[in-house]
Amino acid sequence: MLLSVMEGELEARDLVIEALRARRKEVFIQERYGRFNLNDPFLALQRDYEAGPGDKEKPVCTNPLSILEAVMAHCRKMQERMSAQLVAAESRQKKLEMEKLQLQALEQEHKKLAAHLEEERGKNKHVVLMLVKECKQLSGKVVEEAQKLEEVMAQLEEEK
């Protein structure tokens, strides 16, 4: 029961805090923007100019032509930045394509070298098998020659 009462108290406190924050927000908006009509965009631009650091070349006033010129100047700056970013992106793309082509060339060379290696391995295996076969034949001949030598030595002993 005490727990439910405490939960109710906490919820009520949270609601009071939210209400105070909302009221403070309204007071802040009224203090900052109270003298301007928030529905008029030209007045909003004038307000932003007055609230800004004041290092602008010319004040933005209610004259739509000056506002349009400011917007056009901003668009030109953005266009220059975007074209610079586009050039940088194109150069990165070209670099990536060149790296991709180099990678493909290296992969082709790797495949060729691997095929050549397999071919050489096959040749070497064949040579090794032939040498093993020849060694067996020669060792068989050595055994035969040793037996013949033994027989000849035995005959020589008999003759002596």
C-alpha atoms as a PDB file:
ATOM      1  CA  MET A   1       0.000   0.000   0.000  1.00  0.00           C
ATOM      2  CA  LEU A   2       2.856   2.351   0.872  1.00  0.00           C
ATOM      3  CA  LEU A   3       4.550   1.436  -2.396  1.00  0.00           C
ATOM      4  CA  SER A   4       1.482   2.358  -4.438  1.00  0.00           C
ATOM      5  CA  VAL A   5       1.164   5.657  -2.537  1.00  0.00           C
ATOM      6  CA  MET A   6       4.834   6.447  -3.256  1.00  0.00           C
ATOM      7  CA  GLU A   7       4.372   5.594  -6.927  1.00  0.00           C
ATOM      8  CA  GLY A   8       1.420   7.966  -7.074  1.00  0.00           C
ATOM      9  CA  GLU A   9       3.485  10.697  -5.423  1.00  0.00           C
ATOM     10  CA  LEU A  10       6.325  10.191  -7.945  1.00  0.00           C
ATOM     11  CA  GLU A  11       3.918  10.356 -10.887  1.00  0.00           C
ATOM     12  CA  ALA A  12       2.358  13.525  -9.521  1.00  0.00           C
ATOM     13  CA  ARG A  13       5.793  15.072  -9.055  1.00  0.00           C
ATOM     14  CA  ASP A  14       6.744  14.185 -12.665  1.00  0.00           C
ATOM     15  CA  LEU A  15       3.550  15.811 -13.921  1.00  0.00           C
ATOM     16  CA  VAL A  16       4.280  18.987 -11.943  1.00  0.00           C
ATOM     17  CA  ILE A  17       7.833  19.092 -13.326  1.00  0.00           C
ATOM     18  CA  GLU A  18       6.547  18.718 -16.910  1.00  0.00           C
ATOM     19  CA  ALA A  19       3.992  21.491 -16.366  1.00  0.00           C
ATOM     20  CA  LEU A  20       6.666  23.825 -14.957  1.00  0.00           C
ATOM     21  CA  ARG A  21       8.977  23.105 -17.883  1.00  0.00           C
ATOM     22  CA  ALA A  22       6.207  23.800 -20.404  1.00  0.00           C
ATOM     23  CA  ARG A  23       5.334  27.052 -18.654  1.00  0.00           C
ATOM     24  CA  ARG A  24       9.031  28.061 -18.561  1.00  0.00           C
ATOM     25  CA  LYS A  25       9.309  27.327 -22.273  1.00  0.00           C
ATOM     26  CA  GLU A  26       6.351  29.572 -23.033  1.00  0.00           C
ATOM     27  CA  VAL A  27       7.861  32.341 -20.898  1.00  0.00           C
ATOM     28  CA  PHE A  28      11.200  31.968 -22.703  1.00  0.00           C
ATOM     29  CA  ILE A  29       9.560  32.139 -26.122  1.00  0.00           C
ATOM     30  CA  GLN A  30       7.530  35.184 -25.086  1.00  0.00           C
ATOM     31  CA  GLU A  31      10.634  36.927 -23.696  1.00  0.00           C
ATOM     32  CA  ARG A  32      12.734  36.234 -26.786  1.00  0.00           C
ATOM     33  CA  TYR A  33      10.192  36.513 -29.586  1.00  0.00           C
ATOM     34  CA  GLY A  34       7.365  38.429 -27.978  1.00  0.00           C
ATOM     35  CA  ARG A  35       7.805  41.587 -30.007  1.00  0.00           C
ATOM     36  CA  PHE A  36       7.793  39.709 -33.336  1.00  0.00           C
ATOM     37  CA  ASN A  37       4.923  38.084 -35.152  1.00  0.00           C
ATOM     38  CA  LEU A  38       5.987  34.444 -35.495  1.00  0.00           C
ATOM     39  CA  ASN A  39       3.809  33.928 -38.570  1.00  0.00           C
ATOM     40  CA  ASP A  40       5.655  36.464 -40.764  1.00  0.00           C
ATOM     41  CA  PRO A  41       8.885  35.027 -42.315  1.00  0.00           C
ATOM     42  CA  PHE A  42      10.310  38.491 -43.077  1.00  0.00           C
ATOM     43  CA  LEU A  43      10.048  39.473 -39.444  1.00  0.00           C
ATOM     44  CA  ALA A  44      11.663  36.167 -38.507  1.00  0.00           C
ATOM     45  CA  LEU A  45      14.622  37.021 -40.750  1.00  0.00           C
ATOM     46  CA  GLN A  46      14.826  40.482 -39.201  1.00  0.00           C
ATOM     47  CA  ARG A  47      14.718  38.949 -35.727  1.00  0.00           C
ATOM     48  CA  ASP A  48      17.483  36.481 -36.606  1.00  0.00           C
ATOM     49  CA  TYR A  49      19.617  39.322 -37.921  1.00  0.00           C
ATOM     50  CA  GLU A  50      19.157  41.309 -34.746  1.00  0.00           C
ATOM     51  CA  ALA A  51      19.865  38.278 -32.558  1.00  0.00           C
ATOM     52  CA  GLY A  52      22.971  37.354 -34.609  1.00  0.00           C
ATOM     53  CA  PRO A  53      26.564  38.443 -33.974  1.00  0.00           C
ATOM     54  CA  GLY A  54      26.148  41.526 -36.172  1.00  0.00           C
ATOM     55  CA  ASP A  55      29.026  40.793 -38.570  1.00  0.00           C
ATOM     56  CA  LYS A  56      26.775  40.652 -41.615  1.00  0.00           C
ATOM     57  CA  GLU A  57      27.508  43.054 -44.440  1.00  0.00           C
ATOM     58  CA  LYS A  58      24.009  44.425 -44.839  1.00  0.00           C
ATOM     59  CA  PRO A  59      20.952  43.979 -42.664  1.00  0.00           C
ATOM     60  CA  VAL A  60      18.187  41.746 -43.853  1.00  0.00           C
ATOM     61  CA  CYS A  61      15.138  43.910 -43.893  1.00  0.00           C
ATOM     62  CA  THR A  62      11.558  43.508 -44.956  1.00  0.00           C
ATOM     63  CA  ASN A  63      12.535  44.181 -48.590  1.00  0.00           C
ATOM     64  CA  PRO A  64      11.903  40.900 -50.472  1.00  0.00           C
ATOM     65  CA  LEU A  65      14.513  41.774 -53.128  1.00  0.00           C
ATOM     66  CA  SER A  66      17.335  41.943 -50.592  1.00  0.00           C
ATOM     67  CA  ILE A  67      16.162  38.693 -49.057  1.00  0.00           C
ATOM     68  CA  LEU A  68      16.119  37.067 -52.498  1.00  0.00           C
ATOM     69  CA  GLU A  69      19.653  38.336 -53.190  1.00  0.00           C
ATOM     70  CA  ALA A  70      20.840  36.890 -49.881  1.00  0.00           C
ATOM     71  CA  VAL A  71      19.216  33.562 -50.699  1.00  0.00           C
ATOM     72  CA  MET A  72      20.799  33.576 -54.188  1.00  0.00           C
ATOM     73  CA  ALA A  73      24.237  34.333 -52.712  1.00  0.00           C
ATOM     74  CA  HIS A  74      23.802  31.465 -50.269  1.00  0.00           C
ATOM     75  CA  CYS A  75      22.736  29.169 -53.127  1.00  0.00           C
ATOM     76  CA  ARG A  76      25.825  30.155 -55.139  1.00  0.00           C
ATOM     77  CA  LYS A  77      28.067  29.344 -52.183  1.00  0.00           C
ATOM     78  CA  MET A  78      26.340  26.006 -51.699  1.00  0.00           C
ATOM     79  CA  GLN A  79      26.629  25.254 -55.427  1.00  0.00           C
ATOM     80  CA  GLU A  80      30.383  25.949 -55.321  1.00  0.00           C
ATOM     81  CA  ARG A  81      30.812  23.712 -52.293  1.00  0.00           C
ATOM     82  CA  MET A  82      28.730  20.959 -53.859  1.00  0.00           C
ATOM     83  CA  SER A  83      30.669  21.117 -57.132  1.00  0.00           C
ATOM     84  CA  ALA A  84      33.945  20.910 -55.160  1.00  0.00           C
ATOM     85  CA  GLN A  85      32.597  17.889 -53.300  1.00  0.00           C
ATOM     86  CA  LEU A  86      31.473  16.369 -56.599  1.00  0.00           C
ATOM     87  CA  VAL A  87      34.946  16.807 -58.094  1.00  0.00           C
ATOM     88  CA  ALA A  88      36.491  15.218 -54.994  1.00  0.00           C
ATOM     89  CA  ALA A  89      34.022  12.326 -55.158  1.00  0.00           C
ATOM     90  CA  GLU A  90      34.750  11.802 -58.863  1.00  0.00           C
ATOM     91  CA  SER A  91      38.492  11.706 -58.199  1.00  0.00           C
ATOM     92  CA  ARG A  92      37.957   9.184 -55.392  1.00  0.00           C
ATOM     93  CA  GLN A  93      35.774   7.128 -57.748  1.00  0.00           C
ATOM     94  CA  LYS A  94      38.472   7.178 -60.456  1.00  0.00           C
ATOM     95  CA  LYS A  95      41.082   6.160 -57.897  1.00  0.00           C
ATOM     96  CA  LEU A  96      38.877   3.292 -56.729  1.00  0.00           C
ATOM     97  CA  GLU A  97      38.312   2.160 -60.313  1.00  0.00           C
ATOM     98  CA  MET A  98      42.062   2.198 -60.978  1.00  0.00           C
ATOM     99  CA  GLU A  99      42.686   0.215 -57.819  1.00  0.00           C
ATOM    100  CA  LYS A 100      39.989  -2.230 -58.871  1.00  0.00           C
ATOM    101  CA  LEU A 101      41.628  -2.672 -62.282  1.00  0.00           C
ATOM    102  CA  GLN A 102      45.009  -3.196 -60.604  1.00  0.00           C
ATOM    103  CA  LEU A 103      43.459  -5.755 -58.286  1.00  0.00           C
ATOM    104  CA  GLN A 104      41.919  -7.602 -61.228  1.00  0.00           C
ATOM    105  CA  ALA A 105      45.279  -7.595 -63.040  1.00  0.00           C
ATOM    106  CA  LEU A 106      46.980  -8.944 -59.917  1.00  0.00           C
ATOM    107  CA  GLU A 107      44.319 -11.630 -59.573  1.00  0.00           C
ATOM    108  CA  GLN A 108      44.850 -12.678 -63.215  1.00  0.00           C
ATOM    109  CA  GLU A 109      48.605 -12.805 -62.678  1.00  0.00           C
ATOM    110  CA  HIS A 110      48.067 -14.838 -59.503  1.00  0.00           C
ATOM    111  CA  LYS A 111      45.904 -17.314 -61.407  1.00  0.00           C
ATOM    112  CA  LYS A 112      48.536 -17.626 -64.146  1.00  0.00           C
ATOM    113  CA  LEU A 113      51.293 -18.155 -61.592  1.00  0.00           C
ATOM    114  CA  ALA A 114      49.209 -20.713 -59.706  1.00  0.00           C
ATOM    115  CA  ALA A 115      48.518 -22.610 -62.946  1.00  0.00           C
ATOM    116  CA  HIS A 116      52.221 -22.481 -63.876  1.00  0.00           C
ATOM    117  CA  LEU A 117      53.122 -23.684 -60.382  1.00  0.00           C
ATOM    118  CA  GLU A 118      50.721 -26.613 -60.682  1.00  0.00           C
ATOM    119  CA  GLU A 119      52.175 -27.465 -64.088  1.00  0.00           C
ATOM    120  CA  GLU A 120      55.727 -27.359 -62.721  1.00  0.00           C
ATOM    121  CA  ARG A 121      54.650 -29.414 -59.722  1.00  0.00           C
ATOM    122  CA  GLY A 122      53.202 -32.029 -62.060  1.00  0.00           C
ATOM    123  CA  LYS A 123      56.410 -32.114 -64.121  1.00  0.00           C
ATOM    124  CA  ASN A 124      58.549 -32.372 -61.000  1.00  0.00           C
ATOM    125  CA  LYS A 125      56.370 -35.160 -59.626  1.00  0.00           C
ATOM    126  CA  HIS A 126      56.771 -37.070 -62.901  1.00  0.00           C
ATOM    127  CA  VAL A 127      60.572 -36.560 -62.812  1.00  0.00           C
ATOM    128  CA  VAL A 128      60.710 -37.705 -59.184  1.00  0.00           C
ATOM    129  CA  LEU A 129      58.698 -40.820 -59.982  1.00  0.00           C
ATOM    130  CA  MET A 130      61.008 -41.599 -62.899  1.00  0.00           C
ATOM    131  CA  LEU A 131      64.065 -41.093 -60.653  1.00  0.00           C
ATOM    132  CA  VAL A 132      62.589 -43.354 -57.967  1.00  0.00           C
ATOM    133  CA  LYS A 133      61.891 -46.009 -60.583  1.00  0.00           C
ATOM    134  CA  GLU A 134      65.414 -45.674 -61.973  1.00  0.00           C
ATOM    135  CA  CYS A 135      66.871 -45.887 -58.431  1.00  0.00           C
ATOM    136  CA  LYS A 136      64.967 -49.126 -57.850  1.00  0.00           C
ATOM    137  CA  GLN A 137      66.231 -50.527 -61.115  1.00  0.00           C
ATOM    138  CA  LEU A 138      69.806 -49.495 -60.320  1.00  0.00           C
ATOM    139  CA  SER A 139      69.601 -50.918 -56.825  1.00  0.00           C
ATOM    140  CA  GLY A 140      68.295 -54.164 -58.344  1.00  0.00           C
ATOM    141  CA  LYS A 141      71.262 -54.164 -60.765  1.00  0.00           C
ATOM    142  CA  VAL A 142      73.646 -53.459 -57.876  1.00  0.00           C
ATOM    143  CA  VAL A 143      72.217 -56.452 -56.012  1.00  0.00           C
ATOM    144  CA  GLU A 144      72.598 -58.620 -59.156  1.00  0.00           C
ATOM    145  CA  GLU A 145      76.130 -57.364 -59.738  1.00  0.00           C
ATOM    146  CA  ALA A 146      76.958 -58.044 -56.090  1.00  0.00           C
ATOM    147  CA  GLN A 147      75.660 -61.595 -56.482  1.00  0.00           C
ATOM    148  CA  LYS A 148      77.653 -62.059 -59.703  1.00  0.00           C
ATOM    149  CA  LEU A 149      80.740 -60.664 -57.986  1.00  0.00           C
ATOM    150  CA  GLU A 150      80.176 -63.033 -55.121  1.00  0.00           C
ATOM    151  CA  GLU A 151      79.843 -65.949 -57.522  1.00  0.00           C
ATOM    152  CA  VAL A 152      82.974 -64.900 -59.404  1.00  0.00           C
ATOM    153  CA  MET A 153      84.844 -64.524 -56.112  1.00  0.00           C
ATOM    154  CA  ALA A 154      83.624 -67.948 -55.077  1.00  0.00           C
ATOM    155  CA  GLN A 155      84.819 -69.436 -58.413  1.00  0.00           C
ATOM    156  CA  LEU A 156      88.125 -67.681 -58.020  1.00  0.00           C
ATOM    157  CA  GLU A 157      88.509 -69.182 -54.562  1.00  0.00           C
ATOM    158  CA  GLU A 158      87.713 -72.608 -55.959  1.00  0.00           C
ATOM    159  CA  GLU A 159      90.244 -72.241 -58.703  1.00  0.00           C
ATOM    160  CA  LYS A 160      92.890 -71.107 -56.287  1.00  0.00           C
END
